[in-house]
Each structure stands twice: as C-alpha cells, then as structure tokens.
Protein backbone atom coordinates (compact mmCIF):
# COMPACT_ATOMS: atom_id res chain seq x y z
CA MET A 1 4.02 5.28 -19.36
CA SER A 2 0.67 4.07 -20.66
CA ALA A 3 2.37 1.07 -22.28
CA ARG A 4 3.95 0.12 -18.97
CA LEU A 5 0.64 0.45 -17.16
CA ARG A 6 -1.00 -1.74 -19.79
CA TYR A 7 1.73 -4.32 -19.35
CA LEU A 8 1.20 -4.38 -15.58
CA ALA A 9 -2.58 -4.59 -15.97
CA LEU A 10 -2.31 -7.43 -18.48
CA THR A 11 0.14 -9.31 -16.27
CA ALA A 12 -2.16 -8.99 -13.26
CA ALA A 13 -5.19 -10.04 -15.33
CA ARG A 14 -3.55 -13.02 -17.01
CA THR A 15 -2.05 -14.44 -13.85
CA ARG A 16 -5.11 -13.55 -11.73
CA ALA A 17 -2.59 -12.86 -8.97
CA ALA A 18 -4.36 -9.67 -7.90
CA LEU A 19 -7.76 -11.30 -7.34
CA PRO A 20 -7.18 -12.60 -3.77
CA PRO A 21 -5.88 -9.28 -2.38
CA LEU A 22 -8.63 -7.44 -4.24
CA ALA A 23 -11.26 -9.70 -2.73
CA ALA A 24 -9.69 -9.23 0.71
CA THR A 25 -9.76 -5.46 0.24
CA LEU A 26 -13.48 -5.43 -0.56
CA PHE A 27 -14.21 -7.76 2.35
CA LEU A 28 -12.28 -5.59 4.79
CA VAL A 29 -13.70 -2.23 3.70
CA ILE A 30 -17.25 -3.58 3.88
CA GLY A 31 -16.54 -5.08 7.29
CA VAL A 32 -15.03 -1.90 8.73
CA TYR A 33 -18.04 0.19 7.73
CA ALA A 34 -20.71 -2.40 8.44
CA TYR A 35 -21.52 -0.51 11.64
CA ARG A 36 -22.55 3.10 12.07
CA ASP A 37 -21.20 6.09 14.01
CA ASN A 38 -17.60 5.46 12.99
CA ASP A 39 -15.00 7.96 14.13
CA PRO A 40 -13.31 9.28 10.95
CA GLY A 41 -9.78 9.41 12.36
CA SER A 42 -9.85 5.98 13.96
CA SER A 43 -11.51 4.33 10.97
CA PHE A 44 -9.11 5.84 8.46
CA GLY A 45 -6.19 4.96 10.72
CA VAL A 46 -7.21 1.31 10.79
CA THR A 47 -7.78 1.08 7.05
CA SER A 48 -4.41 2.73 6.34
CA LEU A 49 -2.74 -0.14 8.22
CA MET A 50 -4.81 -2.58 6.19
CA ALA A 51 -3.72 -0.82 3.00
CA CYS A 52 -0.07 -1.34 3.93
CA GLY A 53 -0.46 -5.10 4.27
CA LEU A 54 -2.75 -5.44 1.26
CA ALA A 55 -0.34 -3.50 -0.95
CA ALA A 56 2.53 -5.78 0.05
CA TRP A 57 0.35 -8.77 -0.82
CA ALA A 58 -0.88 -7.40 -4.15
CA VAL A 59 2.48 -6.14 -5.43
CA GLY A 60 4.29 -9.29 -4.35
CA ALA A 61 1.63 -11.50 -5.92
CA VAL A 62 1.74 -9.72 -9.29
CA LEU A 63 5.54 -9.79 -9.48
CA ALA A 64 5.72 -13.41 -8.34
CA GLY A 65 3.04 -14.40 -10.84
CA GLU A 66 4.96 -12.92 -13.77
CA PRO A 67 6.62 -15.81 -15.67
CA ASP A 68 10.42 -15.78 -15.45
CA ALA A 69 10.92 -15.67 -19.21
CA GLN A 70 8.43 -12.83 -19.56
CA SER A 71 10.10 -10.93 -16.73
CA ASP A 72 13.53 -11.29 -18.38
CA MET A 73 12.16 -10.13 -21.73
CA ALA A 74 10.46 -7.13 -20.14
CA THR A 75 13.63 -6.20 -18.25
CA THR A 76 15.69 -6.38 -21.43
CA ALA A 77 13.13 -4.39 -23.40
CA LEU A 78 13.06 -1.70 -20.74
CA GLY A 79 16.83 -1.36 -20.77
CA GLY A 80 18.04 -3.21 -17.69
CA ARG A 81 17.46 -3.46 -13.98
CA GLY A 82 17.40 0.29 -13.41
CA ALA A 83 14.51 0.75 -15.82
CA ARG A 84 12.85 -2.36 -14.41
CA ALA A 85 12.87 -0.65 -11.00
CA GLY A 86 10.82 2.14 -12.56
CA LEU A 87 8.24 -0.42 -13.67
CA GLU A 88 8.08 -1.84 -10.16
CA VAL A 89 7.64 1.65 -8.70
CA MET A 90 4.79 2.23 -11.14
CA LEU A 91 3.14 -0.96 -9.93
CA VAL A 92 3.50 0.17 -6.32
CA LEU A 93 1.96 3.56 -7.08
CA ALA A 94 -0.91 2.02 -9.06
CA VAL A 95 -1.73 -0.41 -6.26
CA ALA A 96 -1.47 2.35 -3.64
CA ALA A 97 -3.81 4.59 -5.62
CA LEU A 98 -6.33 1.80 -6.15
CA LEU A 99 -6.39 0.87 -2.47
CA THR A 100 -6.75 4.51 -1.48
CA VAL A 101 -9.71 4.95 -3.80
CA VAL A 102 -11.43 1.82 -2.50
CA PHE A 103 -10.90 2.61 1.19
CA LEU A 104 -12.14 6.18 0.79
CA ALA A 105 -14.77 5.86 -1.93
CA TYR A 106 -16.80 3.19 -0.16
CA PRO A 107 -17.53 5.05 3.12
CA LEU A 108 -17.84 8.41 1.39
CA GLY A 109 -20.19 6.80 -1.10
CA LEU A 110 -22.36 5.62 1.76
CA VAL A 111 -22.51 9.17 3.05
CA ALA A 112 -23.31 10.46 -0.44
CA VAL A 113 -26.30 8.15 -0.82
CA GLY A 114 -27.80 9.34 2.43
CA VAL A 115 -26.37 7.17 5.21
CA GLY A 116 -26.21 10.07 7.62
CA ASP A 117 -24.91 8.24 10.68
CA GLU A 118 -21.98 6.51 8.96
CA PHE A 119 -19.51 8.85 10.69
CA ASP A 120 -19.67 10.49 14.10
CA PRO A 121 -18.52 13.24 14.07
CA VAL A 122 -19.38 14.06 10.47
CA VAL A 123 -16.44 13.54 8.12
CA ARG A 124 -14.88 16.79 6.87
CA ALA A 125 -12.61 17.77 4.03
CA GLY A 126 -9.55 17.75 6.29
CA ASP A 127 -10.30 14.18 7.35
CA VAL A 128 -10.47 13.09 3.71
CA VAL A 129 -7.22 14.86 2.78
CA ALA A 130 -5.36 13.33 5.72
CA ALA A 131 -6.80 9.91 4.97
CA GLY A 132 -5.86 10.15 1.31
CA LEU A 133 -2.28 11.08 2.12
CA GLY A 134 -2.02 8.39 4.76
CA HIS A 135 -3.44 5.59 2.67
CA LEU A 136 -1.20 6.47 -0.27
CA ALA A 137 1.92 6.63 1.90
CA CYS A 138 1.18 3.48 3.90
CA ALA A 139 0.25 1.51 0.80
CA ALA A 140 3.39 2.73 -0.98
CA LEU A 141 5.48 1.40 1.89
CA GLY A 142 3.65 -1.92 1.84
CA GLY A 143 4.11 -2.15 -1.92
CA ALA A 144 7.84 -1.49 -1.51
CA VAL A 145 8.02 -4.38 0.94
CA GLY A 146 6.36 -6.55 -1.69
CA VAL A 147 8.94 -5.47 -4.27
CA LEU A 148 11.85 -6.16 -1.94
CA PHE A 149 11.00 -9.84 -1.56
CA ALA A 150 9.72 -10.50 -5.09
CA PRO A 151 11.66 -12.35 -7.82
CA PRO A 152 14.49 -12.32 -8.74
CA ARG A 153 15.47 -11.49 -5.18
CA LEU A 154 13.53 -14.35 -3.59
CA THR A 155 12.30 -17.04 -5.93
CA ARG A 156 10.61 -19.43 -3.49
CA ARG A 157 7.09 -18.20 -2.86
CA ALA A 158 6.87 -19.57 0.69
CA THR A 159 10.11 -17.82 1.63
CA ALA A 160 8.92 -14.57 0.09
CA ILE A 161 5.59 -14.70 1.94
CA ALA A 162 7.35 -15.36 5.24
CA ALA A 163 9.77 -12.48 4.59
CA VAL A 164 6.93 -10.05 3.80
CA ILE A 165 5.04 -11.01 6.95
CA ALA A 166 8.21 -10.67 9.03
CA ALA A 167 8.92 -7.23 7.55
CA LEU A 168 5.39 -5.99 8.24
CA LEU A 169 5.57 -7.26 11.81
CA ALA A 170 8.95 -5.56 12.19
CA LEU A 171 7.39 -2.26 11.14
CA VAL A 172 4.88 -2.66 13.96
CA ALA A 173 7.53 -3.73 16.46
CA VAL A 174 9.84 -0.75 15.85
CA SER A 175 7.08 1.85 15.65
CA ALA A 176 7.11 2.53 19.37
CA ALA A 177 10.83 3.24 19.34
CA LEU A 178 10.61 5.46 16.26
CA GLY A 179 7.70 7.49 17.58
CA PRO A 180 6.37 10.09 15.11
CA VAL A 181 8.48 8.66 12.27
CA GLY A 182 7.26 5.13 12.91
CA GLY A 183 5.62 4.59 9.53
CA PRO A 184 2.07 3.23 9.18
CA VAL A 185 1.53 2.75 12.90
CA ALA A 186 2.65 6.32 13.55
CA PHE A 187 0.20 7.57 10.93
CA ALA A 188 -2.66 5.56 12.39
CA GLN A 189 -1.93 6.98 15.84
CA ALA A 190 -1.54 10.53 14.56
CA GLU A 191 -4.75 10.34 12.56
CA THR A 192 -6.65 8.92 15.53
CA ASP A 193 -5.38 11.71 17.79
CA ALA A 194 -5.89 14.54 15.29
CA PRO A 195 -8.73 16.99 15.91
CA ALA A 196 -11.67 16.43 13.59
CA GLY A 197 -11.27 17.91 10.13
CA THR A 198 -7.56 18.74 10.39
CA VAL A 199 -4.32 17.65 8.76
CA THR A 200 -1.80 17.82 11.57
CA GLY A 201 1.97 18.03 11.43
CA ALA A 202 2.19 14.59 13.04
CA VAL A 203 0.14 13.13 10.18
CA LEU A 204 2.44 14.71 7.58
CA VAL A 205 5.59 13.55 9.38
CA ALA A 206 4.27 10.00 9.60
CA CYS A 207 3.39 10.02 5.88
CA ALA A 208 6.85 11.34 5.04
CA SER A 209 8.46 8.57 7.08
CA CYS A 210 6.51 5.97 5.09
CA LEU A 211 7.65 7.46 1.78
CA VAL A 212 11.29 7.74 2.85
CA LEU A 213 11.34 4.14 3.99
CA ALA A 214 9.57 3.03 0.82
CA GLY A 215 12.22 4.76 -1.29
CA ALA A 216 14.99 3.10 0.70
CA LEU A 217 13.40 -0.33 0.24
CA VAL A 218 13.02 0.13 -3.52
CA ALA A 219 16.64 1.26 -3.79
CA GLY A 220 17.74 -1.77 -1.79
CA ALA A 221 15.58 -4.04 -3.94
CA THR A 222 17.20 -2.68 -7.11
CA ARG A 223 20.71 -3.36 -5.82
CA TRP A 224 19.68 -6.81 -4.64
CA ALA A 225 18.20 -7.63 -8.04
CA ALA A 226 21.39 -6.48 -9.77
CA ARG A 227 23.45 -8.87 -7.63
CA SER A 228 20.95 -11.67 -8.28
CA GLY A 229 21.47 -11.34 -12.01
C-alpha cells in the first residue's frame, strides 16, 4: 500500500496537476472563515459541497496528468484493470482525507490559537465528528466522479472537464427529488438543520448515500475502462 501511495504522490508532484485544486482549496477555506461568528453546521455544510467539487477536480487532474505509457505500465504491473481500480480508489481516499483535514484543521486551528468568536455557537465535538464524516463522504463522491471521466474512459481533457461539471450539476439537480439520500446537498442541508453538537440520523443517511453512489461510480468506471482497452 505504501508503494502505491508513493506512486500517486510522485505522479501528482511530477505533473504538478494537483497544484491548482490545492491552491483553490486554500483560497476557499481562508475565504469561508475570513469572517467571525460562523455557524458550525452551515459552515461545514458549505465546505463539504466545496470538497466534493475540489475532489473531482484533483482526482481527475492527477489521472489525466499521468502519461499514457506510464499509466499502461502501472496497470500491467498492478495486474490489470481490476487492480488499477484499487489504485484509483486509493487516490480518491487520499484526496478526500487531505481535503477533510484542510477544511477542518484551519477553522479549528483558529479556535485553538485563541480566536474565540470564530464560531457562534461554539463548535462542539459532535459538530466536528459530523463534519469529518460529511467531508470524507462528499469528497469521496467527488473523487469518484473524477475517476469516472478520467483516461482511458475519456481522453480529451475538455470533454472530461465538461462531463465532470455536468455530473456535479446533476447531483445538485436531483438532490431535491432524492431528499435525505440526495448526496452532498442532502448532507449540507442535514448538517445545517442539525442541533448544535449532534450527529443526526439525517447526516448519517446523507453520508451513506454519498458512499453508495461513489462505489457505484467506481464500479462503472472500472467496467468502462475494461471496454476501452
């Protein structure tokens, strides 16, 4: 596993594909918490939606930036498309974890250094747990969207970008019809409505819906890649 993580980190570093989404992440988290008296639920709900889009961008950029010959060699070394799917899942999880850390560590760090009015009401352990689960789940779904439209499934970058944007907009469009299982939007709404310091059933259901959909997208991406050769 460590070798695979090193491979992903080296690929991201050499291609510099992760730099734009990383810069965007830092810009957004600083912007969200530039003002004081933020409501924990609403703030974490907004940043979870951001994490979904940023994860799609970061994962798609890293996979698209991987040279074709290198990708083929890595797939062969891993043992085929099935094992390659495991590498892509690892990338999704790594990106989701990184985004979660950034979006939670920054505001909590401000509180830790003495910015007492950063949150109103004061952030509690339950808020942090719910936010952690939500950011991980939403980012995992966004990362799965990035995988779905990455090479070898779509090889033209402009087409892939358009497909990712369309998929993210579709998630927003269908959220009203799906209600509590509406993915990232459902989580953001559930987290905003949750009483302070709690992890509600609606939050857990929304997170589960993100993970189920992410799994379905990765499975579909694997079959699509197999047909693409």
